[in-house]
Amino acid sequence: MTDLSELLKTLCSVSGMSAYESPIRNTLTEVWQPLSDTIETTAIGNLVATKHGNADGERSSILLAAHMDMIGLMVSQIDGEFLKVRPIGGIDNRVLPGSLVTVHATDGDLSGVITSKPPHLQTDTERKQYLSLEDQYIDLGLTADEVAEKVALGDVVSFAQTPSFLNDTTLVARSLDNRASVAAVTLVLEQLQSRQHAWDVVAVATVQEEVGLAGAHSTGFDQNPDLAIVIDVTFGRQSGTSDWETFKLGDGPTLGVGANLHPLFYKRVRSAAAKLEMTLHDDLLPRSSGTDAIAIQVSQNGIPCALVSIPIKNMHTPIETVVLKDIERAARLMTEVIVGLDADTLESLTFKLGAEDV
């Protein structure tokens, strides 16, 4: 049985910014290979692992999509011994000063720190404002000549936060968005080793979610599943946040409600949670989920999607925080949905003319 804490530490220790996912894809291939019947990569870089169902004849399929890319930085200017950078994905600039980073240079990784003008040398106006990314830089502790020799424009930069536990159940790490969900999919594949399921299960670790959902656009078209569950993270409750858009860590996963999601499939997932006697919170997304479901639902002739999310705190910072049992519960829920799929499922999820489906 997978040790979730060790799995998470491994996944969060591996780099893989959007469009540069090779390190995490290679690691995940080793994890998913023994849990799947086939495994492959696509032209754009998605990792696709298929676990065959046991139904006779042509089988329906359900897609489990979790993006594996992470936010980061890219070297945009070499200013003597310092590096200026631009964001890969959404970055919270307020928390960057003092962050340890790794510059992934061609000839090897370089350790650095993000720094800025000391507060003593800032003007009164500067001290009252959050520093923009343009006012911060990376110091590698090298001379200007050494920097020019070792670093190139376009080199990518990852946060060097080491995964650590605040207690037995709460992990702080970079890239829990969305490695927490990748871990949940891994647990599903493991649980299906001992559970009967009629449908094929196609687990996909998608690329480039943070910069435009490219992996989701391609996987929906390429795999063309009958149903899809997208698993991502959602906002954990913190000081100063509203109750309706944030969720308490340790209180279970959420289920999306909104425009990117299929209302009849929503009901089916909620029924699976009731069977497990599992608390499942509605995540209200009236306009857009901001997830891979945006792209997958409109692929081919349209793919009914559900969105299961894991609450984390400090999203898009180097210190994202998660409670392990939320990941475990999300996995149990998805497994229960999968084993309940049968020959009548698609008919039950079809909108009927004149019916009040929702």
Protein backbone atom coordinates (compact mmCIF):
# COMPACT_ATOMS: atom_id res chain seq x y z
CA MET A 1 0.00 0.00 0.00
CA THR A 2 1.26 3.45 -0.94
CA ASP A 3 2.61 5.60 1.87
CA LEU A 4 0.84 8.84 1.00
CA SER A 5 3.20 11.05 2.96
CA GLU A 6 6.24 9.62 1.18
CA LEU A 7 4.50 9.78 -2.19
CA LEU A 8 3.65 13.45 -1.69
CA LYS A 9 7.16 14.33 -0.58
CA THR A 10 8.51 12.65 -3.70
CA LEU A 11 6.06 14.34 -6.07
CA CYS A 12 6.57 17.78 -4.52
CA SER A 13 10.36 17.45 -4.57
CA VAL A 14 10.44 16.99 -8.34
CA SER A 15 10.45 19.98 -10.67
CA GLY A 16 8.11 20.44 -13.63
CA MET A 17 7.00 23.96 -14.52
CA SER A 18 4.40 24.42 -17.23
CA ALA A 19 5.85 23.27 -20.58
CA TYR A 20 8.87 21.81 -18.73
CA GLU A 21 7.19 18.81 -17.08
CA SER A 22 9.76 16.10 -17.96
CA PRO A 23 11.09 15.60 -14.40
CA ILE A 24 7.67 15.01 -12.83
CA ARG A 25 6.48 12.99 -15.83
CA ASN A 26 9.48 10.65 -15.51
CA THR A 27 8.90 10.20 -11.79
CA LEU A 28 5.19 9.62 -12.23
CA THR A 29 5.78 7.09 -14.98
CA GLU A 30 7.65 4.91 -12.48
CA VAL A 31 4.79 5.24 -9.99
CA TRP A 32 1.93 4.58 -12.43
CA GLN A 33 3.55 1.86 -14.56
CA PRO A 34 2.84 -1.07 -12.17
CA LEU A 35 -0.71 0.18 -11.52
CA SER A 36 -1.86 0.35 -15.15
CA ASP A 37 -2.30 -1.94 -18.13
CA THR A 38 -0.82 0.55 -20.60
CA ILE A 39 1.09 3.78 -20.16
CA GLU A 40 2.22 6.28 -22.75
CA THR A 41 3.03 9.92 -23.37
CA THR A 42 1.41 12.17 -25.94
CA ALA A 43 2.96 14.62 -28.38
CA ILE A 44 2.27 17.55 -26.07
CA GLY A 45 3.62 15.72 -23.00
CA ASN A 46 0.57 14.35 -21.17
CA LEU A 47 1.12 11.07 -19.31
CA VAL A 48 -1.70 8.58 -19.99
CA ALA A 49 -2.17 5.43 -17.89
CA THR A 50 -5.07 3.08 -18.69
CA LYS A 51 -6.57 0.48 -16.36
CA HIS A 52 -8.90 -1.81 -18.32
CA GLY A 53 -12.39 -2.63 -17.10
CA ASN A 54 -13.90 -6.11 -17.04
CA ALA A 55 -17.03 -5.53 -19.14
CA ASP A 56 -17.43 -7.72 -22.19
CA GLY A 57 -17.20 -6.21 -25.65
CA GLU A 58 -16.61 -2.54 -26.32
CA ARG A 59 -16.09 -0.73 -23.02
CA SER A 60 -17.00 2.79 -22.03
CA SER A 61 -14.26 4.91 -20.46
CA ILE A 62 -13.90 7.48 -17.74
CA LEU A 63 -11.06 9.99 -17.70
CA LEU A 64 -9.36 11.08 -14.47
CA ALA A 65 -7.49 14.31 -15.22
CA ALA A 66 -5.04 15.98 -12.83
CA HIS A 67 -2.51 18.51 -14.07
CA MET A 68 1.09 17.82 -13.10
CA ASP A 69 2.65 21.17 -14.02
CA MET A 70 3.61 23.73 -11.40
CA ILE A 71 4.11 27.47 -11.29
CA GLY A 72 7.61 28.91 -11.45
CA LEU A 73 9.80 31.57 -13.04
CA MET A 74 11.88 32.13 -16.15
CA VAL A 75 15.09 34.13 -16.46
CA SER A 76 14.29 37.20 -18.56
CA GLN A 77 17.35 39.39 -17.95
CA ILE A 78 20.90 38.95 -16.69
CA ASP A 79 21.87 42.12 -14.83
CA GLY A 80 25.50 41.64 -13.86
CA GLU A 81 25.55 39.14 -11.01
CA PHE A 82 21.75 39.21 -10.63
CA LEU A 83 18.87 37.64 -12.54
CA LYS A 84 15.53 39.22 -13.36
CA VAL A 85 12.64 36.84 -13.94
CA ARG A 86 9.12 36.61 -15.31
CA PRO A 87 6.38 34.32 -13.97
CA ILE A 88 5.34 30.95 -15.34
CA GLY A 89 1.72 30.81 -14.22
CA GLY A 90 0.20 32.91 -11.47
CA ILE A 91 2.69 33.98 -8.78
CA ASP A 92 1.92 35.79 -5.53
CA ASN A 93 4.66 38.43 -5.65
CA ARG A 94 4.12 39.39 -2.00
CA VAL A 95 5.72 36.22 -0.65
CA LEU A 96 8.72 35.98 -2.97
CA PRO A 97 11.41 38.00 -1.13
CA GLY A 98 13.52 35.57 0.89
CA SER A 99 12.41 32.51 -1.11
CA LEU A 100 15.05 29.92 -1.93
CA VAL A 101 15.04 28.94 -5.60
CA THR A 102 16.77 26.62 -8.03
CA VAL A 103 17.82 27.86 -11.46
CA HIS A 104 17.71 24.92 -13.85
CA ALA A 105 20.67 25.82 -16.05
CA THR A 106 21.88 23.73 -18.97
CA ASP A 107 25.02 22.53 -17.21
CA GLY A 108 23.40 21.89 -13.84
CA ASP A 109 21.14 23.33 -11.17
CA LEU A 110 22.18 26.51 -9.33
CA SER A 111 20.92 27.54 -5.90
CA GLY A 112 19.72 31.09 -5.39
CA VAL A 113 17.57 33.37 -3.31
CA ILE A 114 15.03 35.99 -4.31
CA THR A 115 15.90 39.33 -2.79
CA SER A 116 15.31 43.07 -3.22
CA LYS A 117 16.44 46.47 -2.01
CA PRO A 118 16.68 46.43 1.82
CA PRO A 119 13.81 48.29 3.54
CA HIS A 120 16.32 50.75 5.02
CA LEU A 121 17.18 51.94 1.49
CA GLN A 122 13.63 52.12 0.20
CA THR A 123 11.72 55.36 -0.06
CA ASP A 124 8.69 55.93 2.17
CA THR A 125 6.47 55.19 -0.83
CA GLU A 126 8.30 51.95 -1.64
CA ARG A 127 7.97 50.70 1.94
CA LYS A 128 4.18 51.10 1.78
CA GLN A 129 3.79 49.05 -1.38
CA TYR A 130 4.13 45.40 -2.27
CA LEU A 131 7.20 44.82 -4.38
CA SER A 132 6.50 44.06 -8.02
CA LEU A 133 8.41 41.21 -9.63
CA GLU A 134 10.39 43.81 -11.59
CA ASP A 135 11.79 45.11 -8.28
CA GLN A 136 13.00 41.68 -7.16
CA TYR A 137 15.92 39.63 -8.40
CA ILE A 138 17.73 36.34 -7.90
CA ASP A 139 21.14 36.30 -6.23
CA LEU A 140 23.21 33.17 -6.97
CA GLY A 141 26.20 34.22 -4.93
CA LEU A 142 28.30 34.26 -8.11
CA THR A 143 30.29 36.94 -9.87
CA ALA A 144 28.89 38.59 -12.98
CA ASP A 145 31.29 36.62 -15.17
CA GLU A 146 30.25 33.33 -13.54
CA VAL A 147 26.58 34.15 -13.98
CA ALA A 148 27.11 35.01 -17.65
CA GLU A 149 28.91 31.71 -18.16
CA LYS A 150 26.42 29.47 -16.34
CA VAL A 151 22.98 31.06 -16.94
CA ALA A 152 21.07 31.69 -20.15
CA LEU A 153 17.96 33.69 -20.89
CA GLY A 154 14.99 31.34 -20.80
CA ASP A 155 16.35 29.11 -18.05
CA VAL A 156 13.50 28.09 -15.75
CA VAL A 157 13.46 28.59 -12.01
CA SER A 158 11.63 26.57 -9.37
CA PHE A 159 11.02 27.27 -5.71
CA ALA A 160 13.34 25.24 -3.48
CA GLN A 161 10.94 24.76 -0.57
CA THR A 162 11.58 21.35 0.99
CA PRO A 163 8.36 19.43 1.79
CA SER A 164 7.86 19.32 5.53
CA PHE A 165 5.14 18.25 7.95
CA LEU A 166 3.72 20.70 10.47
CA ASN A 167 2.32 17.66 12.30
CA ASP A 168 1.47 14.05 11.45
CA THR A 169 -1.27 15.02 9.00
CA THR A 170 -0.47 18.47 7.57
CA LEU A 171 2.10 18.93 4.81
CA VAL A 172 3.65 22.18 3.62
CA ALA A 173 5.25 22.10 0.18
CA ARG A 174 5.55 23.81 -3.17
CA SER A 175 3.40 22.45 -6.03
CA LEU A 176 0.65 20.84 -3.96
CA ASP A 177 -1.32 22.54 -6.72
CA ASN A 178 -1.63 20.07 -8.26
CA ARG A 179 0.61 17.24 -7.03
CA ALA A 180 -1.93 16.60 -4.24
CA SER A 181 -4.42 15.63 -6.95
CA VAL A 182 -1.85 13.55 -8.83
CA ALA A 183 -1.34 11.66 -5.56
CA ALA A 184 -5.11 11.14 -5.26
CA VAL A 185 -5.26 9.66 -8.77
CA THR A 186 -2.38 7.36 -7.82
CA LEU A 187 -4.39 6.11 -4.83
CA VAL A 188 -7.38 5.46 -7.13
CA LEU A 189 -5.24 3.34 -9.46
CA GLU A 190 -3.98 1.41 -6.45
CA GLN A 191 -7.47 0.87 -5.02
CA LEU A 192 -8.72 -0.41 -8.38
CA GLN A 193 -6.22 -3.27 -8.21
CA SER A 194 -8.60 -4.97 -5.78
CA ARG A 195 -11.96 -3.59 -6.97
CA GLN A 196 -14.04 -4.76 -9.91
CA HIS A 197 -14.91 -2.07 -12.47
CA ALA A 198 -16.68 -2.45 -15.80
CA TRP A 199 -15.40 0.71 -17.48
CA ASP A 200 -11.88 1.51 -18.63
CA VAL A 201 -10.18 4.10 -16.45
CA VAL A 202 -7.86 6.52 -18.22
CA ALA A 203 -5.68 8.46 -15.78
CA VAL A 204 -4.03 11.49 -17.35
CA ALA A 205 -1.47 13.80 -15.80
CA THR A 206 -1.94 16.85 -17.97
CA VAL A 207 0.57 19.54 -18.89
CA GLN A 208 0.41 23.33 -19.06
CA GLU A 209 -2.75 23.83 -17.01
CA GLU A 210 -1.28 26.86 -15.29
CA VAL A 211 -0.69 28.66 -18.59
CA GLY A 212 -3.78 27.87 -20.62
CA LEU A 213 -5.08 24.29 -20.22
CA ALA A 214 -3.14 23.00 -23.24
CA GLY A 215 -2.90 19.44 -21.92
CA ALA A 216 -6.61 19.31 -21.16
CA HIS A 217 -7.59 20.59 -24.60
CA SER A 218 -5.57 17.84 -26.25
CA THR A 219 -6.47 14.97 -23.91
CA GLY A 220 -10.21 15.52 -24.21
CA PHE A 221 -9.90 15.29 -27.99
CA ASP A 222 -7.33 12.49 -28.00
CA GLN A 223 -8.96 10.18 -25.45
CA ASN A 224 -12.60 11.16 -26.12
CA PRO A 225 -13.90 9.52 -22.92
CA ASP A 226 -17.57 9.02 -22.12
CA LEU A 227 -17.20 10.79 -18.76
CA ALA A 228 -14.46 12.75 -17.01
CA ILE A 229 -13.56 13.63 -13.45
CA VAL A 230 -11.17 16.52 -13.15
CA ILE A 231 -9.37 16.66 -9.83
CA ASP A 232 -7.69 19.84 -8.70
CA VAL A 233 -7.25 21.91 -5.56
CA THR A 234 -9.52 24.55 -4.12
CA PHE A 235 -9.16 27.33 -1.56
CA GLY A 236 -8.63 26.30 2.05
CA ARG A 237 -10.09 28.47 4.79
CA GLN A 238 -7.69 31.08 6.13
CA SER A 239 -7.94 34.24 8.17
CA GLY A 240 -9.82 36.92 6.27
CA THR A 241 -11.44 34.61 3.70
CA SER A 242 -15.17 34.17 3.15
CA ASP A 243 -16.91 30.95 4.16
CA TRP A 244 -18.73 30.34 0.88
CA GLU A 245 -15.60 30.26 -1.27
CA THR A 246 -13.17 28.52 1.10
CA PHE A 247 -13.19 25.17 2.87
CA LYS A 248 -11.78 23.86 6.14
CA LEU A 249 -8.76 21.64 5.76
CA GLY A 250 -9.37 18.13 7.06
CA ASP A 251 -13.13 18.31 6.47
CA GLY A 252 -13.13 16.43 3.18
CA PRO A 253 -13.04 17.17 -0.55
CA THR A 254 -15.39 19.42 -2.49
CA LEU A 255 -17.61 18.87 -5.52
CA GLY A 256 -17.88 21.62 -8.10
CA VAL A 257 -21.21 23.19 -9.01
CA GLY A 258 -21.25 25.44 -12.04
CA ALA A 259 -20.98 26.06 -15.74
CA ASN A 260 -18.10 23.69 -16.56
CA LEU A 261 -19.74 20.76 -14.83
CA HIS A 262 -22.55 18.33 -15.65
CA PRO A 263 -25.48 18.55 -13.18
CA LEU A 264 -26.55 14.93 -13.60
CA PHE A 265 -23.03 13.62 -13.11
CA TYR A 266 -22.82 15.90 -10.05
CA LYS A 267 -25.80 14.02 -8.59
CA ARG A 268 -24.16 10.68 -9.25
CA VAL A 269 -20.93 11.70 -7.52
CA ARG A 270 -22.89 13.03 -4.56
CA SER A 271 -24.74 9.70 -4.34
CA ALA A 272 -21.40 7.90 -4.19
CA ALA A 273 -20.34 10.15 -1.31
CA ALA A 274 -23.60 9.36 0.52
CA LYS A 275 -22.94 5.64 0.08
CA LEU A 276 -19.55 6.16 1.73
CA GLU A 277 -21.14 8.36 4.42
CA MET A 278 -18.56 10.96 3.38
CA THR A 279 -18.92 14.69 3.93
CA LEU A 280 -18.80 16.43 0.55
CA HIS A 281 -18.96 20.20 0.25
CA ASP A 282 -20.36 22.08 -2.74
CA ASP A 283 -17.78 24.34 -4.38
CA LEU A 284 -19.83 27.07 -6.06
CA LEU A 285 -18.37 28.03 -9.45
CA PRO A 286 -21.08 30.02 -11.23
CA ARG A 287 -18.91 31.25 -14.15
CA SER A 288 -15.73 29.22 -14.63
CA SER A 289 -13.99 26.54 -12.62
CA GLY A 290 -10.49 27.69 -13.62
CA THR A 291 -9.56 24.02 -14.15
CA ASP A 292 -8.98 21.46 -16.89
CA ALA A 293 -12.75 20.91 -16.93
CA ILE A 294 -13.11 24.12 -18.96
CA ALA A 295 -11.40 22.45 -21.92
CA ILE A 296 -12.44 18.83 -21.47
CA GLN A 297 -16.18 19.48 -21.28
CA VAL A 298 -16.30 21.03 -24.76
CA SER A 299 -14.05 18.52 -26.52
CA GLN A 300 -15.45 16.39 -29.36
CA ASN A 301 -19.26 16.31 -28.94
CA GLY A 302 -19.04 17.38 -25.31
CA ILE A 303 -17.86 15.31 -22.35
CA PRO A 304 -19.85 15.31 -19.07
CA CYS A 305 -17.44 16.44 -16.34
CA ALA A 306 -17.37 16.43 -12.57
CA LEU A 307 -14.84 18.37 -10.50
CA VAL A 308 -13.50 16.95 -7.24
CA SER A 309 -11.21 19.33 -5.36
CA ILE A 310 -8.85 19.14 -2.40
CA PRO A 311 -8.67 22.22 -0.14
CA ILE A 312 -5.22 23.75 0.30
CA LYS A 313 -4.05 26.93 1.98
CA ASN A 314 -1.58 29.47 0.58
CA MET A 315 -2.30 28.58 -3.05
CA HIS A 316 0.29 29.68 -5.63
CA THR A 317 2.99 30.26 -3.05
CA PRO A 318 6.01 28.12 -2.05
CA ILE A 319 4.20 27.07 1.17
CA GLU A 320 0.98 25.46 -0.01
CA THR A 321 -0.59 23.42 2.79
CA VAL A 322 -2.76 20.28 2.72
CA VAL A 323 -4.20 17.71 5.14
CA LEU A 324 -3.55 14.14 4.01
CA LYS A 325 -6.98 12.73 4.79
CA ASP A 326 -8.57 15.15 2.30
CA ILE A 327 -6.49 13.51 -0.43
CA GLU A 328 -7.38 10.04 0.81
CA ARG A 329 -11.10 10.85 0.88
CA ALA A 330 -11.00 12.34 -2.61
CA ALA A 331 -9.44 9.10 -3.86
CA ARG A 332 -12.01 6.91 -2.09
CA LEU A 333 -14.81 8.99 -3.60
CA MET A 334 -13.49 8.69 -7.15
CA THR A 335 -12.97 4.95 -6.74
CA GLU A 336 -16.55 4.55 -5.54
CA VAL A 337 -17.84 6.47 -8.56
CA ILE A 338 -15.80 4.28 -10.92
CA VAL A 339 -16.90 0.92 -9.50
CA GLY A 340 -20.53 2.06 -9.77
CA LEU A 341 -20.38 2.72 -13.52
CA ASP A 342 -22.31 0.18 -15.59
CA ALA A 343 -24.02 -0.28 -18.95
CA ASP A 344 -26.91 1.99 -17.94
CA THR A 345 -24.84 4.90 -16.67
CA LEU A 346 -24.68 6.97 -19.83
CA GLU A 347 -28.42 6.69 -20.40
CA SER A 348 -29.03 7.92 -16.86
CA LEU A 349 -26.85 10.97 -17.50
CA THR A 350 -28.58 11.96 -20.75
CA PHE A 351 -30.80 15.03 -20.68
CA LYS A 352 -34.40 14.10 -21.59
CA LEU A 353 -36.59 16.36 -23.71
CA GLY A 354 -39.15 18.11 -21.54
CA ALA A 355 -37.74 16.66 -18.28
CA GLU A 356 -36.71 18.65 -15.21
CA ASP A 357 -33.24 17.15 -15.01
CA VAL A 358 -31.60 19.55 -12.59
